[in-house]
Protein backbone atom coordinates (compact mmCIF):
# COMPACT_ATOMS: atom_id res chain seq x y z
CA MET A 1 53.87 -32.67 188.43
CA GLN A 2 52.71 -36.19 187.59
CA PRO A 3 53.26 -37.13 183.91
CA ARG A 4 49.59 -38.02 183.43
CA LEU A 5 48.41 -34.72 184.91
CA LEU A 6 50.95 -32.81 182.81
CA LYS A 7 49.73 -34.54 179.64
CA SER A 8 46.10 -33.72 180.42
CA LEU A 9 46.92 -30.10 181.25
CA ALA A 10 49.06 -29.75 178.12
CA ARG A 11 46.22 -31.17 175.99
CA VAL A 12 43.81 -28.52 177.30
CA CYS A 13 46.37 -25.71 176.91
CA ARG A 14 47.18 -26.83 173.38
CA ALA A 15 43.48 -26.75 172.44
CA VAL A 16 43.03 -23.27 173.94
CA LEU A 17 46.06 -21.90 172.08
CA ALA A 18 45.09 -23.60 168.83
CA ILE A 19 41.54 -22.25 168.85
CA THR A 20 42.72 -18.75 169.76
CA PHE A 21 45.35 -18.68 167.02
CA ILE A 22 42.93 -20.07 164.43
CA LEU A 23 40.18 -17.57 165.25
CA SER A 24 42.61 -14.66 165.42
CA GLY A 25 44.51 -15.66 162.29
CA PHE A 26 41.40 -16.36 160.20
CA SER A 27 39.62 -13.12 161.20
CA LYS A 28 42.68 -11.17 160.03
CA VAL A 29 43.85 -13.20 157.02
CA ILE A 30 40.48 -12.74 155.28
CA ASP A 31 40.92 -8.97 155.67
CA PRO A 32 44.61 -8.35 154.88
CA TRP A 33 43.87 -4.73 153.95
CA GLY A 34 42.61 -4.02 157.45
CA THR A 35 45.61 -5.72 159.02
CA ALA A 36 47.95 -3.81 156.70
CA LEU A 37 46.39 -0.54 157.87
CA LYS A 38 46.94 -1.59 161.48
CA VAL A 39 50.55 -2.58 160.67
CA GLY A 40 51.02 0.85 159.09
CA GLU A 41 49.67 2.46 162.25
CA TYR A 42 52.18 0.59 164.40
CA LEU A 43 55.01 1.47 162.00
CA ALA A 44 54.07 5.15 162.26
CA ILE A 45 53.90 4.98 166.07
CA TYR A 46 57.36 3.39 166.33
CA GLY A 47 58.91 5.61 163.66
CA PHE A 48 59.33 3.08 160.84
CA GLU A 49 57.15 4.77 158.19
CA GLU A 50 59.69 3.92 155.49
CA LEU A 51 58.64 0.26 155.84
CA ASN A 52 55.00 1.05 155.08
CA PRO A 53 55.21 -0.26 151.45
CA LEU A 54 55.84 -3.70 152.98
CA ALA A 55 52.76 -3.54 155.22
CA MET A 56 50.56 -5.68 152.96
CA ALA A 57 53.16 -8.43 152.49
CA PHE A 58 53.84 -8.47 156.23
CA SER A 59 50.11 -8.53 156.93
CA ILE A 60 49.56 -11.63 154.81
CA TRP A 61 52.61 -13.37 156.26
CA LEU A 62 51.74 -12.53 159.88
CA CYS A 63 48.09 -13.54 159.67
CA GLY A 64 48.81 -16.62 157.58
CA ALA A 65 51.56 -17.72 159.98
CA GLU A 66 49.21 -17.32 162.95
CA LEU A 67 46.50 -19.38 161.25
CA MET A 68 49.05 -22.00 160.23
CA MET A 69 50.45 -22.17 163.77
CA GLY A 70 46.96 -22.71 165.18
CA CYS A 71 46.31 -25.56 162.75
CA MET A 72 49.65 -27.17 163.58
CA LEU A 73 48.88 -26.97 167.30
CA LEU A 74 45.44 -28.45 166.80
CA PHE A 75 46.71 -31.42 164.77
CA LYS A 76 50.01 -31.82 166.70
CA VAL A 77 52.17 -31.23 163.62
CA ARG A 78 55.80 -30.69 164.64
CA ILE A 79 54.47 -29.79 168.07
CA ARG A 80 57.91 -29.21 169.59
CA LEU A 81 58.84 -26.65 166.93
CA VAL A 82 55.50 -24.87 166.90
CA SER A 83 55.39 -24.73 170.72
CA ILE A 84 58.61 -22.71 170.67
CA PHE A 85 57.15 -20.25 168.15
CA ALA A 86 53.91 -20.04 170.13
CA LEU A 87 55.73 -19.18 173.35
CA LEU A 88 58.01 -16.64 171.66
CA SER A 89 55.11 -14.97 169.87
CA MET A 90 53.07 -14.73 173.07
CA CYS A 91 56.03 -13.16 174.90
CA PHE A 92 56.56 -10.65 172.09
CA PHE A 93 52.91 -9.63 171.71
CA THR A 94 52.38 -9.42 175.46
CA LEU A 95 55.21 -6.91 175.64
CA LEU A 96 53.96 -5.07 172.55
CA THR A 97 50.42 -4.75 173.89
CA LEU A 98 51.76 -3.55 177.24
CA LEU A 99 53.58 -0.77 175.40
CA SER A 100 50.43 -0.06 173.36
CA ALA A 101 48.40 0.29 176.55
CA THR A 102 50.89 2.49 178.40
CA VAL A 103 53.77 4.25 176.65
CA LEU A 104 52.46 4.35 173.07
CA PRO A 105 48.69 3.91 173.31
CA VAL A 106 46.62 2.79 170.32
CA GLU A 107 42.85 2.66 170.01
CA ASP A 108 42.66 -1.01 169.02
CA CYS A 109 45.31 -3.71 168.67
CA GLY A 110 43.60 -5.39 165.72
CA CYS A 111 44.35 -8.85 167.10
CA PHE A 112 40.96 -10.18 165.96
CA GLY A 113 40.64 -7.91 162.94
CA GLU A 114 37.22 -6.30 162.60
CA ALA A 115 35.45 -9.33 164.08
CA LEU A 116 36.12 -8.38 167.72
CA LYS A 117 37.37 -5.07 169.05
CA LEU A 118 39.49 -5.13 172.20
CA SER A 119 41.03 -2.21 174.01
CA PRO A 120 44.82 -2.28 174.55
CA TRP A 121 44.38 -3.26 178.20
CA GLU A 122 41.91 -6.02 177.29
CA THR A 123 44.36 -7.29 174.69
CA PHE A 124 47.22 -7.23 177.17
CA LEU A 125 45.13 -9.18 179.69
CA LYS A 126 44.21 -11.70 176.99
CA ASN A 127 47.88 -12.23 176.11
CA LEU A 128 48.82 -12.44 179.77
CA LEU A 129 46.27 -15.23 180.27
CA LEU A 130 47.61 -17.12 177.23
CA LEU A 131 51.22 -16.99 178.37
CA PRO A 132 50.92 -19.84 180.95
CA PRO A 133 49.23 -22.23 178.46
CA ALA A 134 51.97 -21.46 175.92
CA PHE A 135 54.61 -22.24 178.56
CA VAL A 136 52.87 -25.48 179.56
CA VAL A 137 52.73 -26.70 175.93
CA TRP A 138 56.39 -25.83 175.40
CA TYR A 139 57.40 -27.56 178.66
CA ARG A 140 55.38 -30.68 177.89
CA TYR A 141 56.90 -31.24 174.44
CA ARG A 142 60.42 -29.95 175.08
CA PRO A 143 61.97 -33.51 174.95
CA ASP A 144 60.71 -34.02 171.37
CA LYS A 145 62.99 -33.51 168.40
CA ILE A 146 62.57 -30.21 166.60
CA PHE A 147 63.32 -31.01 162.96
CA ALA A 148 62.52 -34.73 162.71
CA PHE A 149 59.75 -34.35 160.13
CA LYS A 150 57.61 -37.29 159.17
CA PRO A 151 56.21 -37.40 155.61
CA ALA A 152 52.64 -36.89 156.85
CA GLU A 153 53.69 -33.91 158.98
CA LEU A 154 55.54 -32.33 156.09
CA ALA A 155 52.49 -32.75 153.86
CA LEU A 156 50.23 -31.16 156.49
CA MET A 157 52.67 -28.27 156.98
CA LEU A 158 52.68 -27.56 153.24
CA LEU A 159 48.88 -27.78 153.20
CA PHE A 160 48.47 -25.38 156.12
CA PHE A 161 51.08 -22.99 154.69
CA SER A 162 49.64 -22.88 151.18
CA GLY A 163 46.07 -22.65 152.47
CA SER A 164 46.79 -19.82 154.92
CA MET A 165 48.96 -17.74 152.60
CA GLY A 166 46.76 -18.45 149.61
CA LEU A 167 43.69 -17.26 151.50
CA GLY A 168 45.43 -14.01 152.43
CA ILE A 169 46.66 -13.39 148.87
CA TYR A 170 43.22 -14.12 147.41
CA CYS A 171 41.44 -11.74 149.79
CA SER A 172 44.02 -9.02 149.15
CA ARG A 173 43.28 -9.24 145.42
CA HIS A 174 39.51 -9.45 145.79
CA LEU A 175 37.46 -8.76 148.94
CA PRO A 176 37.12 -10.44 152.37
CA PHE A 177 35.15 -13.68 152.39
CA VAL A 178 33.33 -12.51 155.50
CA ASP A 179 32.64 -8.80 155.90
CA PHE A 180 32.83 -7.68 159.54
CA LEU A 181 32.87 -4.00 158.60
CA PRO A 182 30.01 -1.53 159.17
CA TYR A 183 29.53 -1.01 155.40
CA LYS A 184 28.55 -4.59 154.62
CA VAL A 185 26.09 -5.61 151.92
CA GLY A 186 22.53 -5.05 153.16
CA VAL A 187 23.22 -1.94 155.27
CA ASP A 188 20.83 0.96 154.67
CA LEU A 189 23.06 4.02 154.73
CA ARG A 190 20.12 6.40 154.72
CA THR A 191 18.76 4.94 157.94
CA GLU A 192 22.12 4.44 159.63
CA ARG A 193 23.66 7.73 158.53
CA LEU A 194 20.80 10.20 158.29
CA ASN A 195 18.03 9.07 160.65
CA PRO A 196 18.60 10.44 164.17
CA ASP A 197 15.70 8.35 165.50
CA ALA A 198 17.11 5.00 164.41
CA ASP A 199 16.75 2.16 166.89
CA THR A 200 20.51 2.02 167.39
CA LEU A 201 20.43 5.41 169.13
CA LYS A 202 19.81 5.23 172.86
CA GLU A 203 19.54 8.96 173.45
CA GLU A 204 18.06 11.50 171.03
CA ASP A 205 20.34 14.24 172.23
CA GLU A 206 23.61 12.31 171.99
CA GLN A 207 26.36 14.31 170.38
CA LEU A 208 28.87 12.76 168.01
CA GLU A 209 32.01 14.49 166.83
CA THR A 210 34.31 13.08 164.17
CA LEU A 211 37.87 14.39 163.86
CA LEU A 212 40.29 13.57 161.06
CA ILE A 213 43.88 13.30 162.29
CA TYR A 214 46.50 14.12 159.65
CA ARG A 215 50.29 14.55 159.65
CA ASN A 216 51.90 17.44 157.79
CA LEU A 217 54.36 15.86 155.34
CA GLU A 218 56.69 18.86 155.52
CA THR A 219 56.85 19.50 159.27
CA GLY A 220 55.74 16.11 160.64
CA LYS A 221 53.28 17.83 162.99
CA ILE A 222 49.91 16.26 163.76
CA ARG A 223 46.75 18.28 163.21
CA GLU A 224 43.05 17.64 163.78
CA PHE A 225 40.46 18.53 161.14
CA ALA A 226 36.69 18.63 161.30
CA LEU A 227 34.77 16.87 158.54
CA THR A 228 33.70 20.26 157.19
CA ASP A 229 37.31 21.38 156.80
CA THR A 230 38.67 20.82 153.28
CA GLU A 231 42.37 21.50 153.85
CA TRP A 232 43.10 17.80 154.59
CA GLN A 233 42.10 16.93 151.02
CA ASP A 234 45.52 18.10 149.75
CA GLU A 235 47.34 14.76 149.54
CA SER A 236 50.64 16.48 148.73
CA ARG A 237 50.68 18.15 152.15
CA TRP A 238 48.76 15.86 154.51
CA GLU A 239 49.01 12.16 155.38
CA TRP A 240 46.11 10.45 157.16
CA VAL A 241 46.91 9.07 160.63
CA GLU A 242 43.53 8.12 162.11
CA THR A 243 39.87 9.06 162.34
CA ARG A 244 38.75 9.75 165.88
CA THR A 245 35.09 9.78 166.90
CA ASN A 246 33.71 10.83 170.27
CA PHE A 247 30.53 8.87 170.82
CA ASN A 248 28.33 7.03 173.29
CA THR A 249 26.47 4.93 170.73
CA PRO A 250 27.20 1.49 169.25
CA SER A 251 30.35 1.27 167.15
CA ILE A 252 28.49 0.74 163.88
CA ARG A 253 26.80 4.10 164.34
CA ALA A 254 30.13 5.82 164.92
CA SER A 255 31.70 4.32 161.81
CA ILE A 256 28.77 5.06 159.52
CA ALA A 257 28.51 8.56 160.95
CA GLU A 258 31.97 9.14 159.46
CA PHE A 259 30.49 8.67 155.97
CA ALA A 260 30.89 12.21 154.62
CA LEU A 261 31.26 13.43 151.02
CA ARG A 262 32.35 16.84 149.80
CA ASP A 263 32.99 18.46 146.43
CA HIS A 264 33.70 22.04 145.39
CA THR A 265 30.14 23.03 146.36
CA GLY A 266 30.41 21.73 149.92
CA ASP A 267 28.91 18.76 151.77
CA ILE A 268 26.91 16.51 149.44
CA THR A 269 26.46 13.47 151.72
CA GLU A 270 22.69 13.75 152.04
CA GLU A 271 22.27 14.51 148.35
CA VAL A 272 24.20 11.37 147.36
CA LEU A 273 22.46 9.06 149.82
CA GLU A 274 19.03 10.32 148.78
CA THR A 275 19.71 9.34 145.15
CA GLU A 276 16.81 7.23 143.90
CA GLY A 277 17.42 3.94 142.16
CA ARG A 278 20.84 2.49 141.50
CA LEU A 279 23.98 4.42 142.36
CA TYR A 280 27.47 3.23 141.45
CA MET A 281 30.15 4.69 143.74
CA LEU A 282 33.54 4.26 142.07
CA CYS A 283 36.21 4.15 144.79
CA VAL A 284 39.68 5.34 143.72
CA ASN A 285 42.35 5.72 146.38
CA ASN A 286 44.91 7.31 144.07
CA PHE A 287 44.32 8.48 140.49
CA LYS A 288 48.03 8.46 139.71
CA ARG A 289 48.27 4.74 140.54
CA LEU A 290 45.08 3.76 138.72
CA ARG A 291 46.07 1.06 136.22
CA ASN A 292 44.80 1.05 132.67
CA GLY A 293 43.07 -2.30 133.12
CA CYS A 294 41.08 -1.00 136.07
CA ALA A 295 40.30 2.28 134.31
CA HIS A 296 38.99 0.27 131.35
CA ARG A 297 36.71 -1.78 133.61
CA LEU A 298 35.40 1.38 135.26
CA ARG A 299 34.69 2.86 131.82
CA MET A 300 32.72 -0.25 130.89
CA LEU A 301 30.79 0.07 134.15
CA ILE A 302 30.01 3.72 133.42
CA ASP A 303 28.73 2.79 129.96
CA ARG A 304 26.53 0.08 131.51
CA ALA A 305 25.21 2.54 134.09
CA ASP A 306 24.24 4.95 131.32
CA ARG A 307 22.27 2.19 129.59
CA GLU A 308 20.58 1.31 132.88
CA GLY A 309 19.79 4.92 133.67
CA ALA A 310 21.79 4.62 136.89
CA THR A 311 23.82 7.33 138.60
CA VAL A 312 27.62 7.22 138.83
CA ILE A 313 29.90 9.19 141.14
CA CYS A 314 33.54 8.78 142.11
CA LEU A 315 34.84 8.77 145.70
CA THR A 316 38.49 9.58 146.38
CA PRO A 317 40.75 10.99 149.09
CA ASP A 318 42.81 12.69 146.34
CA HIS A 319 42.81 16.46 146.08
CA LEU A 320 40.28 17.59 143.44
CA ASN A 321 40.25 20.64 141.22
CA ASP A 322 37.31 23.03 141.07
CA GLU A 323 35.54 21.07 138.32
CA ALA A 324 35.76 17.78 140.26
CA LEU A 325 35.26 15.66 137.13
CA TRP A 326 37.23 12.64 135.94
CA SER A 327 37.23 10.61 132.77
CA PHE A 328 38.11 6.91 133.03
CA HIS A 329 39.90 5.59 129.94
CA GLY A 330 37.91 7.86 127.63
CA SER A 331 34.57 7.63 129.42
CA ARG A 332 32.24 10.55 129.88
CA PRO A 333 33.35 12.81 132.76
CA VAL A 334 32.18 11.50 136.13
CA ARG A 335 31.41 13.71 139.10
CA CYS A 336 34.00 13.20 141.86
CA CYS A 337 33.86 13.99 145.55
CA ASN A 338 36.23 13.70 148.47
CA MET A 339 36.04 11.12 151.24
CA ASP A 340 38.39 10.57 154.15
CA VAL A 341 40.97 7.92 153.27
CA HIS A 342 40.19 5.84 156.36
CA THR A 343 36.47 5.85 155.61
CA ILE A 344 36.91 4.89 151.96
CA ARG A 345 39.17 1.98 152.95
CA THR A 346 36.56 0.88 155.46
CA LEU A 347 33.87 1.16 152.82
CA LEU A 348 35.83 -0.99 150.33
CA ARG A 349 38.90 -3.11 151.14
CA ALA A 350 40.66 -2.43 147.84
CA ASN A 351 42.70 0.26 146.16
CA ASN A 352 40.02 0.66 143.51
CA GLY A 353 36.57 -0.77 143.01
CA VAL A 354 32.86 -0.06 143.16
CA VAL A 355 30.16 -0.01 145.83
CA THR A 356 26.61 -0.23 144.48
CA LEU A 357 23.61 1.29 146.25
CA GLU A 358 19.91 0.75 145.60
CA ASP A 359 17.87 3.52 147.21
CA GLY A 360 20.60 4.01 149.79
CA VAL A 361 21.10 0.30 150.55
CA ILE A 362 24.45 -1.37 149.81
CA VAL A 363 23.67 -4.22 147.41
CA ASP A 364 27.10 -5.06 146.01
CA LYS A 365 30.82 -4.41 146.53
CA ARG A 366 33.56 -5.37 144.10
CA ASN A 367 37.30 -5.04 143.72
CA CYS A 368 38.12 -3.42 140.41
CA ARG A 369 39.46 -6.69 138.97
CA ASP A 370 36.10 -8.34 139.74
CA ILE A 371 33.97 -5.86 137.78
CA GLU A 372 32.32 -7.89 135.03
CA LEU A 373 32.98 -6.85 131.45
CA GLU A 374 30.23 -7.20 128.88
């Protein structure tokens, strides 16, 4: 190939790779909780559940590294070194997505986070198409030195690294900058969840079935539960694997249709969503791991809600006793109800926090550490 043609081709390939890595890395790094859940799913599939506590750290590193690599490709920072990593990563993820599409199928690879959903075969095809550009970029810059850093390049590398990792850490401690999830601020849950004649439905008689897939912690066997079944609520026996929905409607309808609440009296979803005025939904993933600082903020929020005349309930995947009441750091007892762990983590990307409704419309979402104290 002529040197001039190779340079032109490499320039185009470098731009394609850079833009892909930047879009993919950014869409995931702003939602490290979602990526951590996907990492945990892959760990479970390949039998490495013991590494699950490291899922969040790996999520931030993986997404930040991808975003950083895209920026380095775009600005030609240590292009020889980054071209090697780009080619190796494309080879690895092409093989991984081939396995995900064939031997160990998954519903979604999560390569663009919640911004764009691709099937395993679509993801494999995407990676297969990016392999030649990665090879061309590596081949074009292979004569360059790998570790001959210039001061400007070193400064840019540090900037890209700190910016990418810092963005991931910030979003893990607060909430995503951009919310691509179905339960974003402004969504009317009453309309989306309860109205069968909503515009998003194409057929009035469409049937939708939601199954909760859990693993028995004692036997390791997988079992499917209906939303009306309460046995999955025992956290000491069952570990969530996935939520599976059979549907023919848009994906937002399927996700919001999974919004289901139960207490000791039965299903209370419609009752909660029909609450008039302001409703604070306190989201607690695990009462045993609820820190005192967060419990104190939730107590302050409960006190404020009482002054406002607002309603407060608590959502949790934890197993509840018959009373289904919980006091936060000495607050008045709050009514608690069960929600599937996958749904509650889709509703709020945090271990603990609050989602505020006004007449069924989501008006605010906050990580527990962002709840304002008066």
